[in-house]
Amino acid sequence: MAREESLRERLIDVGVEVVTTDGISALGLREIARRAGVSHGAPRRYFATHHALLSAIARRGFADLRTRFEAAIAAGASPRDRLAALARAYVGYALEQRGMFELMFRHDLLDSERHGSEQPRLRESTLPLFEIIVGLITRCRTEQEKDARRGGAPSNAGPVPSPAVTAAALWSNLHGIAQLWAWDSLQLALDTTSAGGGSGRGPEGGPEGGSAVGPEVGPDRGPLDLLVRAALDAHLGPATA
């Protein structure tokens, strides 16, 4: 039984390696089996369908992203700082792990219940990450209300969306930033390529100088970070000193 589980995990490990190095188009059953050193029919003993194996690989991506979220927010001094660090981690992961990120959000895998998998739907892997964002936004709102009371100002100028709605809007915003940046659309729109603020990818679409996202993903590091901060300001209001 242990050997069976070990081989199943080996197939997933190899799948992660394939999507990381060669992209989503290389994730065929035969290729994964070949690199794992097993017969081309072996994956079928552990995964009922190709989609079931791809979903298992994508779950690794969500687990990795959650680990990065937790590391990013651990050093934040305030809820706003932690949310900003999480936002940078999300965009950074999307650009660094292009193949895995695409796999994680493939609509046919997110609706994995249609493929007879015994695992929960892949879509449910997004919920713990979303709840982290909701929790941070809730704490940001609490801090904003405290600051407003200390300053003698009303806590809100009017009705505001719930933390969950705000989290969903911010997530959508960050996802869009990552996708449009990966496609070089934002660089074109903002004319950053001529100013040396390009995508941070090398001539073959891979990491430039060993960094998968270039210098722009860190705080105060260029146009990409300005976009992340603009998204936070749009949904939470400008940061206070």
Protein backbone atom coordinates (compact mmCIF):
# COMPACT_ATOMS: atom_id res chain seq x y z
CA MET A 1 0.00 0.00 0.00
CA ALA A 2 2.84 2.37 0.85
CA ARG A 3 4.47 1.62 -2.51
CA GLU A 4 1.21 2.33 -4.32
CA GLU A 5 0.86 5.68 -2.55
CA SER A 6 4.51 6.45 -3.23
CA LEU A 7 4.07 5.88 -6.96
CA ARG A 8 0.92 7.98 -7.00
CA GLU A 9 2.80 10.85 -5.35
CA ARG A 10 5.71 10.31 -7.75
CA LEU A 11 3.39 10.83 -10.71
CA ILE A 12 2.15 14.06 -9.17
CA ASP A 13 5.72 15.17 -8.41
CA VAL A 14 6.73 14.56 -12.01
CA GLY A 15 3.64 16.41 -13.23
CA VAL A 16 4.65 19.42 -11.14
CA GLU A 17 8.14 19.29 -12.65
CA VAL A 18 6.74 19.05 -16.19
CA VAL A 19 4.34 21.97 -15.87
CA THR A 20 7.02 24.07 -14.19
CA THR A 21 9.71 23.46 -16.78
CA ASP A 22 7.76 22.85 -19.99
CA GLY A 23 4.33 24.35 -19.45
CA ILE A 24 0.81 23.05 -19.47
CA SER A 25 0.95 21.74 -23.05
CA ALA A 26 3.50 19.08 -22.02
CA LEU A 27 1.24 17.48 -19.39
CA GLY A 28 0.30 14.37 -21.32
CA LEU A 29 -0.17 11.05 -19.56
CA ARG A 30 2.51 9.39 -21.66
CA GLU A 31 5.05 12.13 -20.99
CA ILE A 32 4.43 12.06 -17.24
CA ALA A 33 4.69 8.25 -17.23
CA ARG A 34 7.90 8.37 -19.27
CA ARG A 35 9.57 10.84 -16.92
CA ALA A 36 8.37 8.86 -13.90
CA GLY A 37 9.93 5.71 -15.35
CA VAL A 38 6.69 3.71 -15.50
CA SER A 39 4.61 2.24 -18.30
CA HIS A 40 2.35 4.62 -20.17
CA GLY A 41 -0.69 2.85 -18.74
CA ALA A 42 0.46 3.08 -15.10
CA PRO A 43 -1.13 6.49 -14.33
CA ARG A 44 -4.56 5.00 -15.07
CA ARG A 45 -4.19 2.71 -12.06
CA TYR A 46 -4.05 5.74 -9.76
CA PHE A 47 -6.07 8.34 -11.64
CA ALA A 48 -9.33 7.43 -13.34
CA THR A 49 -8.94 10.17 -15.93
CA HIS A 50 -6.33 12.53 -17.28
CA HIS A 51 -8.28 15.35 -15.63
CA ALA A 52 -7.99 13.62 -12.25
CA LEU A 53 -4.19 13.63 -12.53
CA LEU A 54 -4.12 17.25 -13.71
CA SER A 55 -6.34 18.23 -10.78
CA ALA A 56 -3.98 16.50 -8.34
CA ILE A 57 -1.07 18.45 -9.84
CA ALA A 58 -3.03 21.70 -9.62
CA ARG A 59 -3.79 21.04 -5.94
CA ARG A 60 -0.05 21.14 -5.34
CA GLY A 61 -0.06 24.60 -6.87
CA PHE A 62 -2.76 25.80 -4.50
CA ALA A 63 -0.87 24.33 -1.56
CA ASP A 64 2.31 26.12 -2.69
CA LEU A 65 0.44 29.39 -3.12
CA ARG A 66 -1.04 29.09 0.36
CA THR A 67 2.44 28.53 1.81
CA ARG A 68 3.59 31.68 0.05
CA PHE A 69 0.60 33.61 1.38
CA GLU A 70 1.41 32.56 4.92
CA ALA A 71 5.09 33.47 4.55
CA ALA A 72 4.24 36.82 2.97
CA ILE A 73 1.81 37.94 5.66
CA ALA A 74 3.89 36.67 8.60
CA ALA A 75 6.17 39.71 8.57
CA GLY A 76 3.48 42.35 8.07
CA ALA A 77 3.18 44.94 10.81
CA SER A 78 -0.45 45.84 10.12
CA PRO A 79 -3.42 44.22 8.34
CA ARG A 80 -2.87 46.58 5.40
CA ASP A 81 0.82 45.64 5.21
CA ARG A 82 -0.05 41.95 5.33
CA LEU A 83 -2.67 42.34 2.62
CA ALA A 84 -0.19 44.21 0.42
CA ALA A 85 2.37 41.43 0.94
CA LEU A 86 -0.25 38.82 0.05
CA ALA A 87 -1.20 40.74 -3.09
CA ARG A 88 2.42 40.87 -4.21
CA ALA A 89 2.81 37.17 -3.46
CA TYR A 90 -0.23 36.35 -5.61
CA VAL A 91 0.92 38.37 -8.60
CA GLY A 92 4.49 37.17 -8.13
CA TYR A 93 3.43 33.53 -8.08
CA ALA A 94 1.29 33.98 -11.19
CA LEU A 95 4.24 35.38 -13.12
CA GLU A 96 6.86 33.03 -11.72
CA GLN A 97 4.81 29.85 -12.12
CA ARG A 98 3.05 30.60 -15.38
CA GLY A 99 2.28 27.01 -16.33
CA MET A 100 1.08 25.98 -12.88
CA PHE A 101 -1.02 29.12 -12.49
CA GLU A 102 -2.75 28.46 -15.80
CA LEU A 103 -3.42 24.86 -14.76
CA MET A 104 -4.82 25.89 -11.37
CA PHE A 105 -7.49 28.05 -12.97
CA ARG A 106 -8.47 25.92 -15.95
CA HIS A 107 -12.25 25.95 -15.92
CA ASP A 108 -12.58 22.29 -16.89
CA LEU A 109 -10.46 21.30 -13.88
CA LEU A 110 -12.19 23.68 -11.48
CA ASP A 111 -15.41 21.83 -12.30
CA SER A 112 -13.66 18.53 -11.60
CA GLU A 113 -16.76 16.83 -10.17
CA ARG A 114 -17.79 16.27 -13.78
CA HIS A 115 -14.83 13.93 -14.26
CA GLY A 116 -15.68 11.39 -11.59
CA SER A 117 -12.88 12.29 -9.20
CA GLU A 118 -13.24 11.13 -5.60
CA GLN A 119 -11.47 14.31 -4.44
CA PRO A 120 -13.39 17.51 -3.62
CA ARG A 121 -13.81 19.86 -6.55
CA LEU A 122 -10.60 21.68 -7.39
CA ARG A 123 -12.56 24.93 -7.15
CA GLU A 124 -12.81 24.35 -3.40
CA SER A 125 -9.02 24.69 -3.14
CA THR A 126 -9.48 28.41 -3.75
CA LEU A 127 -11.70 28.88 -0.69
CA PRO A 128 -9.03 28.79 2.07
CA LEU A 129 -6.99 31.38 0.13
CA PHE A 130 -10.06 33.54 -0.35
CA GLU A 131 -10.87 33.35 3.37
CA ILE A 132 -7.39 34.67 4.17
CA ILE A 133 -8.10 37.72 2.00
CA VAL A 134 -11.53 38.21 3.58
CA GLY A 135 -10.02 38.04 7.08
CA LEU A 136 -7.35 40.62 6.27
CA ILE A 137 -9.88 42.99 4.72
CA THR A 138 -12.07 42.64 7.81
CA ARG A 139 -9.12 43.60 10.00
CA CYS A 140 -8.22 46.48 7.67
CA ARG A 141 -11.74 47.84 8.01
CA THR A 142 -11.53 47.57 11.80
CA GLU A 143 -8.26 49.53 11.80
CA GLN A 144 -9.72 52.16 9.48
CA GLU A 145 -12.71 52.63 11.76
CA LYS A 146 -10.45 52.99 14.79
CA ASP A 147 -8.33 55.59 12.98
CA ALA A 148 -11.43 57.50 11.94
CA ARG A 149 -12.78 57.59 15.50
CA ARG A 150 -9.43 58.81 16.83
CA GLY A 151 -9.48 61.58 14.25
CA GLY A 152 -13.05 62.55 15.04
CA ALA A 153 -14.27 61.70 11.54
CA PRO A 154 -17.21 59.45 10.67
CA SER A 155 -16.05 55.88 10.13
CA ASN A 156 -17.65 55.61 6.67
CA ALA A 157 -18.78 58.13 4.10
CA GLY A 158 -21.53 55.76 3.06
CA PRO A 159 -22.39 52.10 2.56
CA VAL A 160 -19.44 49.88 1.75
CA PRO A 161 -19.41 46.37 0.28
CA SER A 162 -19.02 43.44 2.64
CA PRO A 163 -15.48 42.15 3.24
CA ALA A 164 -16.29 39.12 1.08
CA VAL A 165 -17.42 41.27 -1.85
CA THR A 166 -14.38 43.52 -1.47
CA ALA A 167 -12.13 40.45 -1.31
CA ALA A 168 -13.70 39.06 -4.48
CA ALA A 169 -13.22 42.36 -6.29
CA LEU A 170 -9.59 42.65 -5.14
CA TRP A 171 -8.86 39.05 -6.11
CA SER A 172 -10.35 39.68 -9.57
CA ASN A 173 -8.25 42.82 -9.88
CA LEU A 174 -5.00 41.07 -8.92
CA HIS A 175 -5.73 38.13 -11.20
CA GLY A 176 -6.33 40.51 -14.08
CA ILE A 177 -3.12 42.42 -13.35
CA ALA A 178 -1.15 39.17 -13.39
CA GLN A 179 -2.68 37.96 -16.64
CA LEU A 180 -2.39 41.25 -18.49
CA TRP A 181 1.18 41.75 -17.28
CA ALA A 182 2.10 38.24 -18.44
CA TRP A 183 0.71 39.07 -21.88
CA ASP A 184 2.66 42.38 -21.97
CA SER A 185 -0.64 44.26 -22.41
CA LEU A 186 -0.14 46.50 -19.38
CA GLN A 187 3.42 47.31 -20.35
CA LEU A 188 2.13 48.45 -23.74
CA ALA A 189 -0.72 50.45 -22.22
CA LEU A 190 1.56 52.14 -19.70
CA ASP A 191 4.49 52.43 -22.14
CA THR A 192 6.79 50.87 -19.55
CA THR A 193 8.90 48.82 -21.96
CA SER A 194 10.58 51.91 -23.36
CA ALA A 195 11.34 53.05 -19.81
CA GLY A 196 12.95 49.75 -18.85
CA GLY A 197 9.96 48.44 -16.91
CA GLY A 198 9.28 45.40 -19.06
CA SER A 199 7.72 42.11 -18.10
CA GLY A 200 10.79 40.72 -16.39
CA ARG A 201 10.82 37.78 -18.79
CA GLY A 202 13.70 36.76 -20.98
CA PRO A 203 13.61 36.58 -24.78
CA GLU A 204 12.09 33.09 -24.73
CA GLY A 205 9.35 34.03 -22.26
CA GLY A 206 11.23 32.58 -19.31
CA PRO A 207 12.93 34.23 -16.35
CA GLU A 208 15.34 37.00 -17.15
CA GLY A 209 18.61 36.79 -15.24
CA GLY A 210 17.22 33.98 -13.09
CA SER A 211 14.33 36.07 -11.71
CA ALA A 212 10.94 34.98 -12.96
CA VAL A 213 9.18 38.29 -12.43
CA GLY A 214 11.91 40.89 -12.59
CA PRO A 215 12.37 43.51 -9.88
CA GLU A 216 8.90 45.05 -10.12
CA VAL A 217 7.02 42.69 -7.80
CA GLY A 218 8.56 43.91 -4.52
CA PRO A 219 7.44 46.99 -2.60
CA ASP A 220 8.35 50.29 -4.29
CA ARG A 221 9.96 48.41 -7.16
CA GLY A 222 8.35 49.84 -10.29
CA PRO A 223 5.20 49.83 -12.41
CA LEU A 224 3.95 46.39 -11.44
CA ASP A 225 4.04 47.24 -7.77
CA LEU A 226 2.32 50.56 -8.52
CA LEU A 227 -0.52 48.58 -10.10
CA VAL A 228 -0.80 46.31 -7.06
CA ARG A 229 -0.89 49.30 -4.73
CA ALA A 230 -3.46 51.04 -6.94
CA ALA A 231 -5.69 47.95 -6.69
CA LEU A 232 -5.42 48.00 -2.89
CA ASP A 233 -6.20 51.73 -2.79
CA ALA A 234 -9.18 51.28 -5.12
CA HIS A 235 -10.80 48.67 -2.89
CA LEU A 236 -9.66 49.81 0.57
CA GLY A 237 -8.99 53.51 0.19
CA PRO A 238 -5.55 55.13 0.26
CA ALA A 239 -3.15 53.83 2.86
CA THR A 240 -2.53 56.12 5.82
CA ALA A 241 0.89 56.79 7.25
